[in-house]
mmCIF file of all heavy atoms, coordinates in Angstrom:
data_MODEL
# 
_entry.id   MODEL 
# 
loop_
_atom_site.group_PDB 
_atom_site.id 
_atom_site.type_symbol 
_atom_site.label_atom_id 
_atom_site.label_alt_id 
_atom_site.label_comp_id 
_atom_site.label_asym_id 
_atom_site.label_entity_id 
_atom_site.label_seq_id 
_atom_site.pdbx_PDB_ins_code 
_atom_site.Cartn_x 
_atom_site.Cartn_y 
_atom_site.Cartn_z 
_atom_site.occupancy 
_atom_site.B_iso_or_equiv 
_atom_site.pdbx_formal_charge 
_atom_site.auth_seq_id 
_atom_site.auth_comp_id 
_atom_site.auth_asym_id 
_atom_site.auth_atom_id 
_atom_site.pdbx_PDB_model_num 
ATOM 1   N N   . LEU A 1 1  ? 9.388  61.519 -30.184 1.00 0.00 ? 1  LEU A N   1 
ATOM 2   C CA  . LEU A 1 1  ? 9.132  60.204 -29.577 1.00 0.00 ? 1  LEU A CA  1 
ATOM 3   C C   . LEU A 1 1  ? 8.484  59.268 -30.568 1.00 0.00 ? 1  LEU A C   1 
ATOM 4   O O   . LEU A 1 1  ? 7.686  59.697 -31.349 1.00 0.00 ? 1  LEU A O   1 
ATOM 5   C CB  . LEU A 1 1  ? 8.250  60.379 -28.349 1.00 0.00 ? 1  LEU A CB  1 
ATOM 6   C CG  . LEU A 1 1  ? 8.692  61.334 -27.258 1.00 0.00 ? 1  LEU A CG  1 
ATOM 7   C CD1 . LEU A 1 1  ? 7.694  61.249 -26.054 1.00 0.00 ? 1  LEU A CD1 1 
ATOM 8   C CD2 . LEU A 1 1  ? 10.107 61.055 -26.811 1.00 0.00 ? 1  LEU A CD2 1 
ATOM 9   N N   . SER A 1 2  ? 8.852  58.039 -30.456 1.00 0.00 ? 2  SER A N   1 
ATOM 10  C CA  . SER A 1 2  ? 8.325  57.003 -31.337 1.00 0.00 ? 2  SER A CA  1 
ATOM 11  C C   . SER A 1 2  ? 7.754  55.911 -30.403 1.00 0.00 ? 2  SER A C   1 
ATOM 12  O O   . SER A 1 2  ? 8.317  55.662 -29.349 1.00 0.00 ? 2  SER A O   1 
ATOM 13  C CB  . SER A 1 2  ? 9.375  56.436 -32.266 1.00 0.00 ? 2  SER A CB  1 
ATOM 14  O OG  . SER A 1 2  ? 9.851  57.393 -33.154 1.00 0.00 ? 2  SER A OG  1 
ATOM 15  N N   . CYS A 1 3  ? 6.728  55.267 -30.932 1.00 0.00 ? 3  CYS A N   1 
ATOM 16  C CA  . CYS A 1 3  ? 6.176  54.165 -30.205 1.00 0.00 ? 3  CYS A CA  1 
ATOM 17  C C   . CYS A 1 3  ? 5.840  53.050 -31.225 1.00 0.00 ? 3  CYS A C   1 
ATOM 18  O O   . CYS A 1 3  ? 4.957  53.180 -32.098 1.00 0.00 ? 3  CYS A O   1 
ATOM 19  C CB  . CYS A 1 3  ? 4.800  54.601 -29.497 1.00 0.00 ? 3  CYS A CB  1 
ATOM 20  S SG  . CYS A 1 3  ? 3.929  53.213 -28.723 1.00 0.00 ? 3  CYS A SG  1 
ATOM 21  N N   . ALA A 1 4  ? 6.657  52.021 -31.219 1.00 0.00 ? 4  ALA A N   1 
ATOM 22  C CA  . ALA A 1 4  ? 6.477  50.870 -32.157 1.00 0.00 ? 4  ALA A CA  1 
ATOM 23  C C   . ALA A 1 4  ? 5.563  49.867 -31.475 1.00 0.00 ? 4  ALA A C   1 
ATOM 24  O O   . ALA A 1 4  ? 5.782  49.445 -30.313 1.00 0.00 ? 4  ALA A O   1 
ATOM 25  C CB  . ALA A 1 4  ? 7.848  50.295 -32.398 1.00 0.00 ? 4  ALA A CB  1 
ATOM 26  N N   . ALA A 1 5  ? 4.628  49.411 -32.286 1.00 0.00 ? 5  ALA A N   1 
ATOM 27  C CA  . ALA A 1 5  ? 3.697  48.399 -31.840 1.00 0.00 ? 5  ALA A CA  1 
ATOM 28  C C   . ALA A 1 5  ? 3.850  47.023 -32.511 1.00 0.00 ? 5  ALA A C   1 
ATOM 29  O O   . ALA A 1 5  ? 4.171  46.976 -33.704 1.00 0.00 ? 5  ALA A O   1 
ATOM 30  C CB  . ALA A 1 5  ? 2.210  48.914 -31.997 1.00 0.00 ? 5  ALA A CB  1 
ATOM 31  N N   . SER A 1 6  ? 3.660  46.017 -31.697 1.00 0.00 ? 6  SER A N   1 
ATOM 32  C CA  . SER A 1 6  ? 3.592  44.648 -32.279 1.00 0.00 ? 6  SER A CA  1 
ATOM 33  C C   . SER A 1 6  ? 2.181  44.270 -32.508 1.00 0.00 ? 6  SER A C   1 
ATOM 34  O O   . SER A 1 6  ? 1.288  44.837 -31.901 1.00 0.00 ? 6  SER A O   1 
ATOM 35  C CB  . SER A 1 6  ? 4.369  43.678 -31.409 1.00 0.00 ? 6  SER A CB  1 
ATOM 36  O OG  . SER A 1 6  ? 3.682  43.574 -30.185 1.00 0.00 ? 6  SER A OG  1 
ATOM 37  N N   . GLY A 1 7  ? 1.952  43.280 -33.274 1.00 0.00 ? 7  GLY A N   1 
ATOM 38  C CA  . GLY A 1 7  ? 0.563  42.688 -33.448 1.00 0.00 ? 7  GLY A CA  1 
ATOM 39  C C   . GLY A 1 7  ? -0.018 43.246 -34.708 1.00 0.00 ? 7  GLY A C   1 
ATOM 40  O O   . GLY A 1 7  ? 0.484  44.212 -35.306 1.00 0.00 ? 7  GLY A O   1 
ATOM 41  N N   . ARG A 1 8  ? -1.125 42.669 -35.094 1.00 0.00 ? 8  ARG A N   1 
ATOM 42  C CA  . ARG A 1 8  ? -1.803 42.974 -36.352 1.00 0.00 ? 8  ARG A CA  1 
ATOM 43  C C   . ARG A 1 8  ? -2.947 43.924 -36.165 1.00 0.00 ? 8  ARG A C   1 
ATOM 44  O O   . ARG A 1 8  ? -3.626 44.238 -37.116 1.00 0.00 ? 8  ARG A O   1 
ATOM 45  C CB  . ARG A 1 8  ? -2.214 41.715 -37.035 1.00 0.00 ? 8  ARG A CB  1 
ATOM 46  C CG  . ARG A 1 8  ? -1.040 40.884 -37.506 1.00 0.00 ? 8  ARG A CG  1 
ATOM 47  C CD  . ARG A 1 8  ? -1.535 39.608 -38.206 1.00 0.00 ? 8  ARG A CD  1 
ATOM 48  N NE  . ARG A 1 8  ? -2.173 38.664 -37.258 1.00 0.00 ? 8  ARG A NE  1 
ATOM 49  C CZ  . ARG A 1 8  ? -2.764 37.549 -37.670 1.00 0.00 ? 8  ARG A CZ  1 
ATOM 50  N NH1 . ARG A 1 8  ? -2.770 37.212 -38.946 1.00 0.00 ? 8  ARG A NH1 1 
ATOM 51  N NH2 . ARG A 1 8  ? -3.265 36.717 -36.767 1.00 0.00 ? 8  ARG A NH2 1 
ATOM 52  N N   . THR A 1 9  ? -3.243 44.454 -34.942 1.00 0.00 ? 9  THR A N   1 
ATOM 53  C CA  . THR A 1 9  ? -4.378 45.225 -34.730 1.00 0.00 ? 9  THR A CA  1 
ATOM 54  C C   . THR A 1 9  ? -4.049 46.690 -34.478 1.00 0.00 ? 9  THR A C   1 
ATOM 55  O O   . THR A 1 9  ? -4.964 47.500 -34.149 1.00 0.00 ? 9  THR A O   1 
ATOM 56  C CB  . THR A 1 9  ? -5.234 44.759 -33.518 1.00 0.00 ? 9  THR A CB  1 
ATOM 57  O OG1 . THR A 1 9  ? -4.466 44.815 -32.328 1.00 0.00 ? 9  THR A OG1 1 
ATOM 58  C CG2 . THR A 1 9  ? -5.607 43.231 -33.763 1.00 0.00 ? 9  THR A CG2 1 
ATOM 59  N N   . PHE A 1 10 ? -2.748 47.115 -34.630 1.00 0.00 ? 10 PHE A N   1 
ATOM 60  C CA  . PHE A 1 10 ? -2.404 48.488 -34.327 1.00 0.00 ? 10 PHE A CA  1 
ATOM 61  C C   . PHE A 1 10 ? -3.255 49.479 -35.174 1.00 0.00 ? 10 PHE A C   1 
ATOM 62  O O   . PHE A 1 10 ? -3.723 50.500 -34.673 1.00 0.00 ? 10 PHE A O   1 
ATOM 63  C CB  . PHE A 1 10 ? -0.915 48.670 -34.609 1.00 0.00 ? 10 PHE A CB  1 
ATOM 64  C CG  . PHE A 1 10 ? -0.535 50.154 -34.658 1.00 0.00 ? 10 PHE A CG  1 
ATOM 65  C CD1 . PHE A 1 10 ? -0.171 50.742 -33.428 1.00 0.00 ? 10 PHE A CD1 1 
ATOM 66  C CD2 . PHE A 1 10 ? -0.357 50.833 -35.894 1.00 0.00 ? 10 PHE A CD2 1 
ATOM 67  C CE1 . PHE A 1 10 ? 0.246  52.096 -33.450 1.00 0.00 ? 10 PHE A CE1 1 
ATOM 68  C CE2 . PHE A 1 10 ? 0.033  52.154 -35.858 1.00 0.00 ? 10 PHE A CE2 1 
ATOM 69  C CZ  . PHE A 1 10 ? 0.310  52.762 -34.670 1.00 0.00 ? 10 PHE A CZ  1 
ATOM 70  N N   . SER A 1 11 ? -3.407 49.114 -36.500 1.00 0.00 ? 11 SER A N   1 
ATOM 71  C CA  . SER A 1 11 ? -4.015 50.103 -37.334 1.00 0.00 ? 11 SER A CA  1 
ATOM 72  C C   . SER A 1 11 ? -5.553 50.291 -37.023 1.00 0.00 ? 11 SER A C   1 
ATOM 73  O O   . SER A 1 11 ? -6.148 51.267 -37.575 1.00 0.00 ? 11 SER A O   1 
ATOM 74  C CB  . SER A 1 11 ? -3.882 49.678 -38.737 1.00 0.00 ? 11 SER A CB  1 
ATOM 75  O OG  . SER A 1 11 ? -4.523 48.371 -38.967 1.00 0.00 ? 11 SER A OG  1 
ATOM 76  N N   . SER A 1 12 ? -6.124 49.555 -36.206 1.00 0.00 ? 12 SER A N   1 
ATOM 77  C CA  . SER A 1 12 ? -7.511 49.616 -35.863 1.00 0.00 ? 12 SER A CA  1 
ATOM 78  C C   . SER A 1 12 ? -7.718 50.179 -34.476 1.00 0.00 ? 12 SER A C   1 
ATOM 79  O O   . SER A 1 12 ? -8.909 50.326 -34.008 1.00 0.00 ? 12 SER A O   1 
ATOM 80  C CB  . SER A 1 12 ? -8.194 48.285 -35.905 1.00 0.00 ? 12 SER A CB  1 
ATOM 81  O OG  . SER A 1 12 ? -7.643 47.363 -34.917 1.00 0.00 ? 12 SER A OG  1 
ATOM 82  N N   . ARG A 1 13 ? -6.657 50.663 -33.755 1.00 0.00 ? 13 ARG A N   1 
ATOM 83  C CA  . ARG A 1 13 ? -6.783 51.147 -32.390 1.00 0.00 ? 13 ARG A CA  1 
ATOM 84  C C   . ARG A 1 13 ? -6.420 52.606 -32.289 1.00 0.00 ? 13 ARG A C   1 
ATOM 85  O O   . ARG A 1 13 ? -5.504 53.103 -33.023 1.00 0.00 ? 13 ARG A O   1 
ATOM 86  C CB  . ARG A 1 13 ? -5.918 50.332 -31.515 1.00 0.00 ? 13 ARG A CB  1 
ATOM 87  C CG  . ARG A 1 13 ? -6.260 48.824 -31.387 1.00 0.00 ? 13 ARG A CG  1 
ATOM 88  C CD  . ARG A 1 13 ? -5.415 48.114 -30.412 1.00 0.00 ? 13 ARG A CD  1 
ATOM 89  N NE  . ARG A 1 13 ? -5.675 46.702 -30.534 1.00 0.00 ? 13 ARG A NE  1 
ATOM 90  C CZ  . ARG A 1 13 ? -6.615 46.061 -29.872 1.00 0.00 ? 13 ARG A CZ  1 
ATOM 91  N NH1 . ARG A 1 13 ? -7.430 46.669 -29.157 1.00 0.00 ? 13 ARG A NH1 1 
ATOM 92  N NH2 . ARG A 1 13 ? -6.765 44.729 -30.109 1.00 0.00 ? 13 ARG A NH2 1 
ATOM 93  N N   . GLY A 1 14 ? -7.140 53.295 -31.456 1.00 0.00 ? 14 GLY A N   1 
ATOM 94  C CA  . GLY A 1 14 ? -6.764 54.688 -31.129 1.00 0.00 ? 14 GLY A CA  1 
ATOM 95  C C   . GLY A 1 14 ? -5.444 54.573 -30.310 1.00 0.00 ? 14 GLY A C   1 
ATOM 96  O O   . GLY A 1 14 ? -5.247 53.651 -29.601 1.00 0.00 ? 14 GLY A O   1 
ATOM 97  N N   . MET A 1 15 ? -4.679 55.637 -30.470 1.00 0.00 ? 15 MET A N   1 
ATOM 98  C CA  . MET A 1 15 ? -3.402 55.739 -29.735 1.00 0.00 ? 15 MET A CA  1 
ATOM 99  C C   . MET A 1 15 ? -3.310 57.005 -28.975 1.00 0.00 ? 15 MET A C   1 
ATOM 100 O O   . MET A 1 15 ? -3.709 58.101 -29.428 1.00 0.00 ? 15 MET A O   1 
ATOM 101 C CB  . MET A 1 15 ? -2.209 55.589 -30.716 1.00 0.00 ? 15 MET A CB  1 
ATOM 102 C CG  . MET A 1 15 ? -2.166 54.251 -31.445 1.00 0.00 ? 15 MET A CG  1 
ATOM 103 S SD  . MET A 1 15 ? -1.868 52.916 -30.434 1.00 0.00 ? 15 MET A SD  1 
ATOM 104 C CE  . MET A 1 15 ? -0.271 53.362 -29.708 1.00 0.00 ? 15 MET A CE  1 
ATOM 105 N N   . GLY A 1 16 ? -2.658 56.968 -27.793 1.00 0.00 ? 16 GLY A N   1 
ATOM 106 C CA  . GLY A 1 16 ? -2.457 58.136 -26.974 1.00 0.00 ? 16 GLY A CA  1 
ATOM 107 C C   . GLY A 1 16 ? -1.088 58.223 -26.417 1.00 0.00 ? 16 GLY A C   1 
ATOM 108 O O   . GLY A 1 16 ? -0.410 57.276 -26.291 1.00 0.00 ? 16 GLY A O   1 
ATOM 109 N N   . TRP A 1 17 ? -0.663 59.439 -26.291 1.00 0.00 ? 17 TRP A N   1 
ATOM 110 C CA  . TRP A 1 17 ? 0.600  59.681 -25.465 1.00 0.00 ? 17 TRP A CA  1 
ATOM 111 C C   . TRP A 1 17 ? 0.186  60.373 -24.069 1.00 0.00 ? 17 TRP A C   1 
ATOM 112 O O   . TRP A 1 17 ? -0.657 61.292 -24.065 1.00 0.00 ? 17 TRP A O   1 
ATOM 113 C CB  . TRP A 1 17 ? 1.497  60.721 -26.250 1.00 0.00 ? 17 TRP A CB  1 
ATOM 114 C CG  . TRP A 1 17 ? 2.206  60.076 -27.370 1.00 0.00 ? 17 TRP A CG  1 
ATOM 115 C CD1 . TRP A 1 17 ? 1.909  60.096 -28.661 1.00 0.00 ? 17 TRP A CD1 1 
ATOM 116 C CD2 . TRP A 1 17 ? 3.429  59.277 -27.296 1.00 0.00 ? 17 TRP A CD2 1 
ATOM 117 N NE1 . TRP A 1 17 ? 2.842  59.418 -29.430 1.00 0.00 ? 17 TRP A NE1 1 
ATOM 118 C CE2 . TRP A 1 17 ? 3.767  58.926 -28.593 1.00 0.00 ? 17 TRP A CE2 1 
ATOM 119 C CE3 . TRP A 1 17 ? 4.302  58.955 -26.216 1.00 0.00 ? 17 TRP A CE3 1 
ATOM 120 C CZ2 . TRP A 1 17 ? 4.997  58.193 -28.873 1.00 0.00 ? 17 TRP A CZ2 1 
ATOM 121 C CZ3 . TRP A 1 17 ? 5.399  58.198 -26.525 1.00 0.00 ? 17 TRP A CZ3 1 
ATOM 122 C CH2 . TRP A 1 17 ? 5.755  57.839 -27.762 1.00 0.00 ? 17 TRP A CH2 1 
ATOM 123 N N   . PHE A 1 18 ? 0.748  59.821 -23.121 1.00 0.00 ? 18 PHE A N   1 
ATOM 124 C CA  . PHE A 1 18 ? 0.468  60.355 -21.692 1.00 0.00 ? 18 PHE A CA  1 
ATOM 125 C C   . PHE A 1 18 ? 1.826  60.695 -21.052 1.00 0.00 ? 18 PHE A C   1 
ATOM 126 O O   . PHE A 1 18 ? 2.866  60.224 -21.540 1.00 0.00 ? 18 PHE A O   1 
ATOM 127 C CB  . PHE A 1 18 ? -0.207 59.267 -20.900 1.00 0.00 ? 18 PHE A CB  1 
ATOM 128 C CG  . PHE A 1 18 ? -1.558 58.898 -21.366 1.00 0.00 ? 18 PHE A CG  1 
ATOM 129 C CD1 . PHE A 1 18 ? -1.663 58.041 -22.466 1.00 0.00 ? 18 PHE A CD1 1 
ATOM 130 C CD2 . PHE A 1 18 ? -2.694 59.394 -20.755 1.00 0.00 ? 18 PHE A CD2 1 
ATOM 131 C CE1 . PHE A 1 18 ? -2.902 57.696 -23.036 1.00 0.00 ? 18 PHE A CE1 1 
ATOM 132 C CE2 . PHE A 1 18 ? -3.972 59.065 -21.260 1.00 0.00 ? 18 PHE A CE2 1 
ATOM 133 C CZ  . PHE A 1 18 ? -4.042 58.163 -22.399 1.00 0.00 ? 18 PHE A CZ  1 
ATOM 134 N N   . ARG A 1 19 ? 1.800  61.456 -20.049 1.00 0.00 ? 19 ARG A N   1 
ATOM 135 C CA  . ARG A 1 19 ? 3.066  61.707 -19.304 1.00 0.00 ? 19 ARG A CA  1 
ATOM 136 C C   . ARG A 1 19 ? 2.822  61.818 -17.830 1.00 0.00 ? 19 ARG A C   1 
ATOM 137 O O   . ARG A 1 19 ? 1.660  62.030 -17.412 1.00 0.00 ? 19 ARG A O   1 
ATOM 138 C CB  . ARG A 1 19 ? 3.719  62.968 -19.820 1.00 0.00 ? 19 ARG A CB  1 
ATOM 139 C CG  . ARG A 1 19 ? 2.951  64.341 -19.482 1.00 0.00 ? 19 ARG A CG  1 
ATOM 140 C CD  . ARG A 1 19 ? 3.603  65.468 -20.189 1.00 0.00 ? 19 ARG A CD  1 
ATOM 141 N NE  . ARG A 1 19 ? 2.953  66.713 -19.853 1.00 0.00 ? 19 ARG A NE  1 
ATOM 142 C CZ  . ARG A 1 19 ? 3.203  67.936 -20.410 1.00 0.00 ? 19 ARG A CZ  1 
ATOM 143 N NH1 . ARG A 1 19 ? 4.228  67.989 -21.356 1.00 0.00 ? 19 ARG A NH1 1 
ATOM 144 N NH2 . ARG A 1 19 ? 2.563  68.990 -20.124 1.00 0.00 ? 19 ARG A NH2 1 
ATOM 145 N N   . GLN A 1 20 ? 3.798  61.520 -17.096 1.00 0.00 ? 20 GLN A N   1 
ATOM 146 C CA  . GLN A 1 20 ? 3.719  61.634 -15.653 1.00 0.00 ? 20 GLN A CA  1 
ATOM 147 C C   . GLN A 1 20 ? 4.945  62.182 -15.093 1.00 0.00 ? 20 GLN A C   1 
ATOM 148 O O   . GLN A 1 20 ? 6.082  61.643 -15.292 1.00 0.00 ? 20 GLN A O   1 
ATOM 149 C CB  . GLN A 1 20 ? 3.507  60.223 -15.070 1.00 0.00 ? 20 GLN A CB  1 
ATOM 150 C CG  . GLN A 1 20 ? 3.195  60.289 -13.509 1.00 0.00 ? 20 GLN A CG  1 
ATOM 151 C CD  . GLN A 1 20 ? 2.580  59.055 -12.989 1.00 0.00 ? 20 GLN A CD  1 
ATOM 152 O OE1 . GLN A 1 20 ? 2.827  57.953 -13.561 1.00 0.00 ? 20 GLN A OE1 1 
ATOM 153 N NE2 . GLN A 1 20 ? 1.909  59.156 -11.833 1.00 0.00 ? 20 GLN A NE2 1 
ATOM 154 N N   . ALA A 1 21 ? 4.848  63.364 -14.470 1.00 0.00 ? 21 ALA A N   1 
ATOM 155 C CA  . ALA A 1 21 ? 6.042  64.012 -13.828 1.00 0.00 ? 21 ALA A CA  1 
ATOM 156 C C   . ALA A 1 21 ? 6.053  63.560 -12.343 1.00 0.00 ? 21 ALA A C   1 
ATOM 157 O O   . ALA A 1 21 ? 5.109  63.066 -11.746 1.00 0.00 ? 21 ALA A O   1 
ATOM 158 C CB  . ALA A 1 21 ? 5.760  65.512 -13.921 1.00 0.00 ? 21 ALA A CB  1 
ATOM 159 N N   . PRO A 1 22 ? 7.255  63.620 -11.759 1.00 0.00 ? 22 PRO A N   1 
ATOM 160 C CA  . PRO A 1 22 ? 7.378  63.286 -10.410 1.00 0.00 ? 22 PRO A CA  1 
ATOM 161 C C   . PRO A 1 22 ? 6.358  63.997 -9.447  1.00 0.00 ? 22 PRO A C   1 
ATOM 162 O O   . PRO A 1 22 ? 6.219  65.237 -9.533  1.00 0.00 ? 22 PRO A O   1 
ATOM 163 C CB  . PRO A 1 22 ? 8.824  63.656 -10.008 1.00 0.00 ? 22 PRO A CB  1 
ATOM 164 C CG  . PRO A 1 22 ? 9.529  63.614 -11.365 1.00 0.00 ? 22 PRO A CG  1 
ATOM 165 C CD  . PRO A 1 22 ? 8.533  64.036 -12.350 1.00 0.00 ? 22 PRO A CD  1 
ATOM 166 N N   . GLY A 1 23 ? 5.687  63.190 -8.662  1.00 0.00 ? 23 GLY A N   1 
ATOM 167 C CA  . GLY A 1 23 ? 4.714  63.730 -7.676  1.00 0.00 ? 23 GLY A CA  1 
ATOM 168 C C   . GLY A 1 23 ? 3.449  64.183 -8.328  1.00 0.00 ? 23 GLY A C   1 
ATOM 169 O O   . GLY A 1 23 ? 2.590  64.716 -7.625  1.00 0.00 ? 23 GLY A O   1 
ATOM 170 N N   . LYS A 1 24 ? 3.248  63.956 -9.559  1.00 0.00 ? 24 LYS A N   1 
ATOM 171 C CA  . LYS A 1 24 ? 2.032  64.356 -10.234 1.00 0.00 ? 24 LYS A CA  1 
ATOM 172 C C   . LYS A 1 24 ? 1.285  63.157 -10.847 1.00 0.00 ? 24 LYS A C   1 
ATOM 173 O O   . LYS A 1 24 ? 1.839  62.121 -11.050 1.00 0.00 ? 24 LYS A O   1 
ATOM 174 C CB  . LYS A 1 24 ? 2.272  65.382 -11.353 1.00 0.00 ? 24 LYS A CB  1 
ATOM 175 C CG  . LYS A 1 24 ? 2.933  66.669 -10.794 1.00 0.00 ? 24 LYS A CG  1 
ATOM 176 C CD  . LYS A 1 24 ? 2.959  67.683 -11.993 1.00 0.00 ? 24 LYS A CD  1 
ATOM 177 C CE  . LYS A 1 24 ? 3.498  69.067 -11.437 1.00 0.00 ? 24 LYS A CE  1 
ATOM 178 N NZ  . LYS A 1 24 ? 3.583  70.055 -12.508 1.00 0.00 ? 24 LYS A NZ  1 
ATOM 179 N N   . GLU A 1 25 ? 0.022  63.317 -11.081 1.00 0.00 ? 25 GLU A N   1 
ATOM 180 C CA  . GLU A 1 25 ? -0.811 62.265 -11.727 1.00 0.00 ? 25 GLU A CA  1 
ATOM 181 C C   . GLU A 1 25 ? -0.439 62.258 -13.223 1.00 0.00 ? 25 GLU A C   1 
ATOM 182 O O   . GLU A 1 25 ? -0.058 63.154 -13.826 1.00 0.00 ? 25 GLU A O   1 
ATOM 183 C CB  . GLU A 1 25 ? -2.213 62.569 -11.528 1.00 0.00 ? 25 GLU A CB  1 
ATOM 184 C CG  . GLU A 1 25 ? -2.733 62.410 -10.063 1.00 0.00 ? 25 GLU A CG  1 
ATOM 185 C CD  . GLU A 1 25 ? -4.208 62.435 -9.916  1.00 0.00 ? 25 GLU A CD  1 
ATOM 186 O OE1 . GLU A 1 25 ? -4.953 62.724 -10.951 1.00 0.00 ? 25 GLU A OE1 1 
ATOM 187 O OE2 . GLU A 1 25 ? -4.702 62.237 -8.794  1.00 0.00 ? 25 GLU A OE2 1 
ATOM 188 N N   . ARG A 1 26 ? -0.727 61.055 -13.734 1.00 0.00 ? 26 ARG A N   1 
ATOM 189 C CA  . ARG A 1 26 ? -0.540 60.926 -15.200 1.00 0.00 ? 26 ARG A CA  1 
ATOM 190 C C   . ARG A 1 26 ? -1.527 61.707 -15.914 1.00 0.00 ? 26 ARG A C   1 
ATOM 191 O O   . ARG A 1 26 ? -2.632 61.815 -15.496 1.00 0.00 ? 26 ARG A O   1 
ATOM 192 C CB  . ARG A 1 26 ? -0.684 59.431 -15.555 1.00 0.00 ? 26 ARG A CB  1 
ATOM 193 C CG  . ARG A 1 26 ? -0.357 59.119 -17.037 1.00 0.00 ? 26 ARG A CG  1 
ATOM 194 C CD  . ARG A 1 26 ? -0.503 57.622 -17.293 1.00 0.00 ? 26 ARG A CD  1 
ATOM 195 N NE  . ARG A 1 26 ? -1.833 57.108 -17.040 1.00 0.00 ? 26 ARG A NE  1 
ATOM 196 C CZ  . ARG A 1 26 ? -2.060 55.881 -16.763 1.00 0.00 ? 26 ARG A CZ  1 
ATOM 197 N NH1 . ARG A 1 26 ? -1.129 54.954 -16.720 1.00 0.00 ? 26 ARG A NH1 1 
ATOM 198 N NH2 . ARG A 1 26 ? -3.351 55.464 -16.573 1.00 0.00 ? 26 ARG A NH2 1 
ATOM 199 N N   . GLU A 1 27 ? -1.148 62.337 -17.037 1.00 0.00 ? 27 GLU A N   1 
ATOM 200 C CA  . GLU A 1 27 ? -2.058 63.172 -17.803 1.00 0.00 ? 27 GLU A CA  1 
ATOM 201 C C   . GLU A 1 27 ? -1.937 62.851 -19.297 1.00 0.00 ? 27 GLU A C   1 
ATOM 202 O O   . GLU A 1 27 ? -0.900 62.402 -19.767 1.00 0.00 ? 27 GLU A O   1 
ATOM 203 C CB  . GLU A 1 27 ? -1.728 64.661 -17.631 1.00 0.00 ? 27 GLU A CB  1 
ATOM 204 C CG  . GLU A 1 27 ? -0.321 65.084 -18.101 1.00 0.00 ? 27 GLU A CG  1 
ATOM 205 C CD  . GLU A 1 27 ? -0.185 66.598 -17.931 1.00 0.00 ? 27 GLU A CD  1 
ATOM 206 O OE1 . GLU A 1 27 ? -1.120 67.314 -17.778 1.00 0.00 ? 27 GLU A OE1 1 
ATOM 207 O OE2 . GLU A 1 27 ? 0.972  67.023 -18.090 1.00 0.00 ? 27 GLU A OE2 1 
ATOM 208 N N   . SER A 1 28 ? -3.084 63.052 -19.941 1.00 0.00 ? 28 SER A N   1 
ATOM 209 C CA  . SER A 1 28 ? -3.116 62.864 -21.358 1.00 0.00 ? 28 SER A CA  1 
ATOM 210 C C   . SER A 1 28 ? -2.447 64.009 -22.054 1.00 0.00 ? 28 SER A C   1 
ATOM 211 O O   . SER A 1 28 ? -2.664 65.165 -21.644 1.00 0.00 ? 28 SER A O   1 
ATOM 212 C CB  . SER A 1 28 ? -4.573 62.761 -21.864 1.00 0.00 ? 28 SER A CB  1 
ATOM 213 O OG  . SER A 1 28 ? -4.648 62.730 -23.238 1.00 0.00 ? 28 SER A OG  1 
# 
């Protein structure tokens, strides 16, 4: 998976991947 960011502050921010399955809560 790739996540492309716009803006000039990407390099200063923490990044996370999350997922959500049907009927379940989102999880880190």
